[in-house]
PDB file of N, CA and C in Angstrom:
ATOM      1  N   PRO A   1      -1.665  16.788   9.822  1.00  0.00           N
ATOM      2  CA  PRO A   1      -2.103  16.260   8.548  1.00  0.00           C
ATOM      3  C   PRO A   1      -2.861  14.925   8.668  1.00  0.00           C
ATOM      4  N   LEU A   2      -2.440  14.041   9.568  1.00  0.00           N
ATOM      5  CA  LEU A   2      -3.144  12.761   9.686  1.00  0.00           C
ATOM      6  C   LEU A   2      -4.580  12.937  10.147  1.00  0.00           C
ATOM      7  N   ARG A   3      -4.812  13.898  11.010  1.00  0.00           N
ATOM      8  CA  ARG A   3      -6.189  14.135  11.468  1.00  0.00           C
ATOM      9  C   ARG A   3      -7.068  14.549  10.294  1.00  0.00           C
ATOM     10  N   GLU A   4      -6.551  15.405   9.430  1.00  0.00           N
ATOM     11  CA  GLU A   4      -7.320  15.857   8.282  1.00  0.00           C
ATOM     12  C   GLU A   4      -7.489  14.749   7.240  1.00  0.00           C
ATOM     13  N   LEU A   5      -6.529  13.847   7.160  1.00  0.00           N
ATOM     14  CA  LEU A   5      -6.588  12.753   6.191  1.00  0.00           C
ATOM     15  C   LEU A   5      -7.347  11.537   6.710  1.00  0.00           C
ATOM     16  N   ALA A   6      -7.756  11.544   7.961  1.00  0.00           N
ATOM     17  CA  ALA A   6      -8.436  10.384   8.556  1.00  0.00           C
ATOM     18  C   ALA A   6      -9.628   9.902   7.735  1.00  0.00           C
ATOM     19  N   PRO A   7     -10.512  10.780   7.246  1.00  0.00           N
ATOM     20  CA  PRO A   7     -11.640  10.279   6.445  1.00  0.00           C
ATOM     21  C   PRO A   7     -11.188   9.550   5.175  1.00  0.00           C
ATOM     22  N   LEU A   8     -10.157  10.032   4.525  1.00  0.00           N
ATOM     23  CA  LEU A   8      -9.652   9.393   3.310  1.00  0.00           C
ATOM     24  C   LEU A   8      -8.957   8.073   3.635  1.00  0.00           C
ATOM     25  N   ILE A   9      -8.105   8.080   4.644  1.00  0.00           N
ATOM     26  CA  ILE A   9      -7.385   6.866   5.041  1.00  0.00           C
ATOM     27  C   ILE A   9      -8.358   5.796   5.519  1.00  0.00           C
ATOM     28  N   SER A  10      -9.409   6.193   6.195  1.00  0.00           N
ATOM     29  CA  SER A  10     -10.352   5.247   6.797  1.00  0.00           C
ATOM     30  C   SER A  10     -11.146   4.441   5.783  1.00  0.00           C
ATOM     31  N   VAL A  11     -11.286   4.929   4.567  1.00  0.00           N
ATOM     32  CA  VAL A  11     -12.051   4.170   3.569  1.00  0.00           C
ATOM     33  C   VAL A  11     -11.200   3.115   2.863  1.00  0.00           C
ATOM     34  N   LEU A  12      -9.895   3.159   3.033  1.00  0.00           N
ATOM     35  CA  LEU A  12      -9.022   2.241   2.303  1.00  0.00           C
ATOM     36  C   LEU A  12      -9.081   0.800   2.810  1.00  0.00           C
ATOM     37  N   PRO A  13      -8.946   0.531   4.111  1.00  0.00           N
ATOM     38  CA  PRO A  13      -9.001  -0.871   4.549  1.00  0.00           C
ATOM     39  C   PRO A  13     -10.435  -1.396   4.608  1.00  0.00           C
ATOM     40  N   VAL A  14     -10.588  -2.686   4.343  1.00  0.00           N
ATOM     41  CA  VAL A  14     -11.891  -3.336   4.474  1.00  0.00           C
ATOM     42  C   VAL A  14     -12.143  -3.630   5.950  1.00  0.00           C
ATOM     43  N   GLU A  15     -13.356  -4.052   6.280  1.00  0.00           N
ATOM     44  CA  GLU A  15     -13.672  -4.420   7.659  1.00  0.00           C
ATOM     45  C   GLU A  15     -12.675  -5.477   8.132  1.00  0.00           C
ATOM     46  N   GLY A  16     -12.093  -5.259   9.289  1.00  0.00           N
ATOM     47  CA  GLY A  16     -11.084  -6.166   9.825  1.00  0.00           C
ATOM     48  C   GLY A  16      -9.675  -5.859   9.358  1.00  0.00           C
ATOM     49  N   GLY A  17      -9.536  -4.904   8.421  1.00  0.00           N
ATOM     50  CA  GLY A  17      -8.220  -4.522   7.919  1.00  0.00           C
ATOM     51  C   GLY A  17      -7.418  -3.781   8.974  1.00  0.00           C
ATOM     52  N   LEU A  18      -6.122  -3.789   8.801  1.00  0.00           N
ATOM     53  CA  LEU A  18      -5.221  -3.205   9.790  1.00  0.00           C
ATOM     54  C   LEU A  18      -4.858  -1.760   9.460  1.00  0.00           C
ATOM     55  N   LEU A  19      -4.625  -1.000  10.516  1.00  0.00           N
ATOM     56  CA  LEU A  19      -4.162   0.385  10.421  1.00  0.00           C
ATOM     57  C   LEU A  19      -2.825   0.466  11.136  1.00  0.00           C
ATOM     58  N   GLY A  20      -1.864   1.115  10.537  1.00  0.00           N
ATOM     59  CA  GLY A  20      -0.577   1.345  11.176  1.00  0.00           C
ATOM     60  C   GLY A  20      -0.106   2.757  10.888  1.00  0.00           C
ATOM     61  N   LEU A  21       0.042   3.541  11.919  1.00  0.00           N
ATOM     62  CA  LEU A  21       0.519   4.921  11.796  1.00  0.00           C
ATOM     63  C   LEU A  21       1.756   5.050  12.670  1.00  0.00           C
ATOM     64  N   SER A  22       2.840   5.553  12.105  1.00  0.00           N
ATOM     65  CA  SER A  22       4.068   5.677  12.884  1.00  0.00           C
ATOM     66  C   SER A  22       4.627   7.087  12.772  1.00  0.00           C
ATOM     67  N   ALA A  23       5.628   7.342  13.593  1.00  0.00           N
ATOM     68  CA  ALA A  23       6.284   8.650  13.657  1.00  0.00           C
ATOM     69  C   ALA A  23       5.297   9.747  14.053  1.00  0.00           C
ATOM     70  N   ILE A  24       4.425   9.415  15.003  1.00  0.00           N
ATOM     71  CA  ILE A  24       3.476  10.384  15.550  1.00  0.00           C
ATOM     72  C   ILE A  24       4.115  10.995  16.793  1.00  0.00           C
ATOM     73  N   LEU A  25       4.119  12.293  16.889  1.00  0.00           N
ATOM     74  CA  LEU A  25       4.637  12.933  18.097  1.00  0.00           C
ATOM     75  C   LEU A  25       3.744  12.587  19.285  1.00  0.00           C
ATOM     76  N   ALA A  26       4.369  12.317  20.424  1.00  0.00           N
ATOM     77  CA  ALA A  26       3.613  11.949  21.625  1.00  0.00           C
ATOM     78  C   ALA A  26       2.578  13.014  21.971  1.00  0.00           C
ATOM     79  N   SER A  27       2.904  14.258  21.741  1.00  0.00           N
ATOM     80  CA  SER A  27       1.977  15.345  22.059  1.00  0.00           C
ATOM     81  C   SER A  27       0.748  15.355  21.149  1.00  0.00           C
ATOM     82  N   GLN A  28       0.800  14.642  20.024  1.00  0.00           N
ATOM     83  CA  GLN A  28      -0.310  14.611  19.071  1.00  0.00           C
ATOM     84  C   GLN A  28      -1.041  13.273  19.048  1.00  0.00           C
ATOM     85  N   ALA A  29      -0.547  12.285  19.778  1.00  0.00           N
ATOM     86  CA  ALA A  29      -1.100  10.927  19.704  1.00  0.00           C
ATOM     87  C   ALA A  29      -2.576  10.885  20.082  1.00  0.00           C
ATOM     88  N   GLU A  30      -2.961  11.571  21.133  1.00  0.00           N
ATOM     89  CA  GLU A  30      -4.356  11.522  21.571  1.00  0.00           C
ATOM     90  C   GLU A  30      -5.296  12.078  20.503  1.00  0.00           C
ATOM     91  N   SER A  31      -4.942  13.198  19.897  1.00  0.00           N
ATOM     92  CA  SER A  31      -5.826  13.786  18.886  1.00  0.00           C
ATOM     93  C   SER A  31      -5.866  12.938  17.614  1.00  0.00           C
ATOM     94  N   VAL A  32      -4.760  12.283  17.269  1.00  0.00           N
ATOM     95  CA  VAL A  32      -4.764  11.385  16.112  1.00  0.00           C
ATOM     96  C   VAL A  32      -5.646  10.175  16.408  1.00  0.00           C
ATOM     97  N   CYS A  33      -5.527   9.615  17.606  1.00  0.00           N
ATOM     98  CA  CYS A  33      -6.394   8.494  17.999  1.00  0.00           C
ATOM     99  C   CYS A  33      -7.862   8.901  17.933  1.00  0.00           C
ATOM    100  N   ASP A  34      -8.176  10.076  18.420  1.00  0.00           N
ATOM    101  CA  ASP A  34      -9.563  10.559  18.382  1.00  0.00           C
ATOM    102  C   ASP A  34     -10.095  10.612  16.951  1.00  0.00           C
ATOM    103  N   ALA A  35      -9.241  10.995  16.012  1.00  0.00           N
ATOM    104  CA  ALA A  35      -9.663  11.120  14.616  1.00  0.00           C
ATOM    105  C   ALA A  35      -9.986   9.768  13.981  1.00  0.00           C
ATOM    106  N   PHE A  36      -9.362   8.689  14.478  1.00  0.00           N
ATOM    107  CA  PHE A  36      -9.551   7.366  13.887  1.00  0.00           C
ATOM    108  C   PHE A  36     -10.439   6.452  14.725  1.00  0.00           C
ATOM    109  N   ALA A  37     -10.751   6.831  15.948  1.00  0.00           N
ATOM    110  CA  ALA A  37     -11.431   5.936  16.890  1.00  0.00           C
ATOM    111  C   ALA A  37     -12.841   5.536  16.469  1.00  0.00           C
ATOM    112  N   GLU A  38     -13.520   6.350  15.699  1.00  0.00           N
ATOM    113  CA  GLU A  38     -14.892   6.024  15.312  1.00  0.00           C
ATOM    114  C   GLU A  38     -14.946   4.799  14.396  1.00  0.00           C
ATOM    115  N   LEU A  39     -13.965   4.651  13.522  1.00  0.00           N
ATOM    116  CA  LEU A  39     -13.994   3.566  12.539  1.00  0.00           C
ATOM    117  C   LEU A  39     -12.995   2.446  12.806  1.00  0.00           C
ATOM    118  N   PHE A  40     -12.130   2.613  13.809  1.00  0.00           N
ATOM    119  CA  PHE A  40     -11.119   1.605  14.114  1.00  0.00           C
ATOM    120  C   PHE A  40     -11.142   1.264  15.597  1.00  0.00           C
ATOM    121  N   THR A  41     -10.904  -0.008  15.890  1.00  0.00           N
ATOM    122  CA  THR A  41     -10.635  -0.425  17.261  1.00  0.00           C
ATOM    123  C   THR A  41      -9.134  -0.272  17.433  1.00  0.00           C
ATOM    124  N   LEU A  42      -8.728   0.690  18.235  1.00  0.00           N
ATOM    125  CA  LEU A  42      -7.312   1.019  18.349  1.00  0.00           C
ATOM    126  C   LEU A  42      -6.651   0.236  19.475  1.00  0.00           C
ATOM    127  N   ASP A  43      -5.415  -0.173  19.225  1.00  0.00           N
ATOM    128  CA  ASP A  43      -4.587  -0.820  20.237  1.00  0.00           C
ATOM    129  C   ASP A  43      -3.988   0.264  21.131  1.00  0.00           C
ATOM    130  N   PRO A  44      -3.443  -0.134  22.287  1.00  0.00           N
ATOM    131  CA  PRO A  44      -2.746   0.866  23.102  1.00  0.00           C
ATOM    132  C   PRO A  44      -1.595   1.501  22.304  1.00  0.00           C
ATOM    133  N   VAL A  45      -1.425   2.786  22.472  1.00  0.00           N
ATOM    134  CA  VAL A  45      -0.363   3.517  21.779  1.00  0.00           C
ATOM    135  C   VAL A  45       0.989   3.059  22.323  1.00  0.00           C
ATOM    136  N   VAL A  46       1.926   2.812  21.411  1.00  0.00           N
ATOM    137  CA  VAL A  46       3.291   2.449  21.789  1.00  0.00           C
ATOM    138  C   VAL A  46       4.135   3.711  21.674  1.00  0.00           C
ATOM    139  N   GLU A  47       4.805   4.059  22.769  1.00  0.00           N
ATOM    140  CA  GLU A  47       5.584   5.298  22.805  1.00  0.00           C
ATOM    141  C   GLU A  47       7.045   4.996  23.102  1.00  0.00           C
ATOM    142  N   LYS A  48       7.922   5.632  22.352  1.00  0.00           N
ATOM    143  CA  LYS A  48       9.365   5.548  22.592  1.00  0.00           C
ATOM    144  C   LYS A  48       9.919   6.954  22.444  1.00  0.00           C
ATOM    145  N   GLU A  49      10.461   7.455  23.556  1.00  0.00           N
ATOM    146  CA  GLU A  49      10.917   8.833  23.625  1.00  0.00           C
ATOM    147  C   GLU A  49       9.752   9.745  23.253  1.00  0.00           C
ATOM    148  N   GLU A  50       9.888  10.605  22.261  1.00  0.00           N
ATOM    149  CA  GLU A  50       8.775  11.509  21.934  1.00  0.00           C
ATOM    150  C   GLU A  50       7.931  11.009  20.759  1.00  0.00           C
ATOM    151  N   TRP A  51       8.201   9.790  20.291  1.00  0.00           N
ATOM    152  CA  TRP A  51       7.516   9.244  19.126  1.00  0.00           C
ATOM    153  C   TRP A  51       6.548   8.131  19.505  1.00  0.00           C
ATOM    154  N   CYS A  52       5.476   7.992  18.710  1.00  0.00           N
ATOM    155  CA  CYS A  52       4.454   6.978  18.982  1.00  0.00           C
ATOM    156  C   CYS A  52       4.109   6.205  17.715  1.00  0.00           C
ATOM    157  N   ARG A  53       3.583   5.003  17.973  1.00  0.00           N
ATOM    158  CA  ARG A  53       3.010   4.178  16.912  1.00  0.00           C
ATOM    159  C   ARG A  53       1.568   3.890  17.300  1.00  0.00           C
ATOM    160  N   ILE A  54       0.664   4.049  16.343  1.00  0.00           N
ATOM    161  CA  ILE A  54      -0.757   3.801  16.565  1.00  0.00           C
ATOM    162  C   ILE A  54      -1.184   2.706  15.599  1.00  0.00           C
ATOM    163  N   THR A  55      -1.762   1.641  16.147  1.00  0.00           N
ATOM    164  CA  THR A  55      -2.243   0.543  15.317  1.00  0.00           C
ATOM    165  C   THR A  55      -3.677   0.221  15.697  1.00  0.00           C
ATOM    166  N   GLY A  56      -4.370  -0.421  14.786  1.00  0.00           N
ATOM    167  CA  GLY A  56      -5.741  -0.806  15.071  1.00  0.00           C
ATOM    168  C   GLY A  56      -6.320  -1.643  13.952  1.00  0.00           C
ATOM    169  N   ARG A  57      -7.592  -1.984  14.118  1.00  0.00           N
ATOM    170  CA  ARG A  57      -8.305  -2.825  13.157  1.00  0.00           C
ATOM    171  C   ARG A  57      -9.618  -2.145  12.800  1.00  0.00           C
ATOM    172  N   LYS A  58      -9.956  -2.138  11.514  1.00  0.00           N
ATOM    173  CA  LYS A  58     -11.187  -1.499  11.025  1.00  0.00           C
ATOM    174  C   LYS A  58     -12.404  -2.224  11.585  1.00  0.00           C
ATOM    175  N   LYS A  59     -13.355  -1.451  12.101  1.00  0.00           N
ATOM    176  CA  LYS A  59     -14.593  -2.014  12.659  1.00  0.00           C
ATOM    177  C   LYS A  59     -15.490  -2.519  11.554  1.00  0.00           C
TER     178      LYS A  59
END
């Protein structure tokens, strides 16, 4: 669902605004990052067990 919602979510923060996505399955983290990478500078993914947190800043 987050991949499909990326275009909608991406218009909400202003330039320099923060993005925080949590409870992402580790197996899906790369594809979620790919969906947001065009409009956000993403931080390294934080992983704990099978869960991830993805953060970044709007370009």
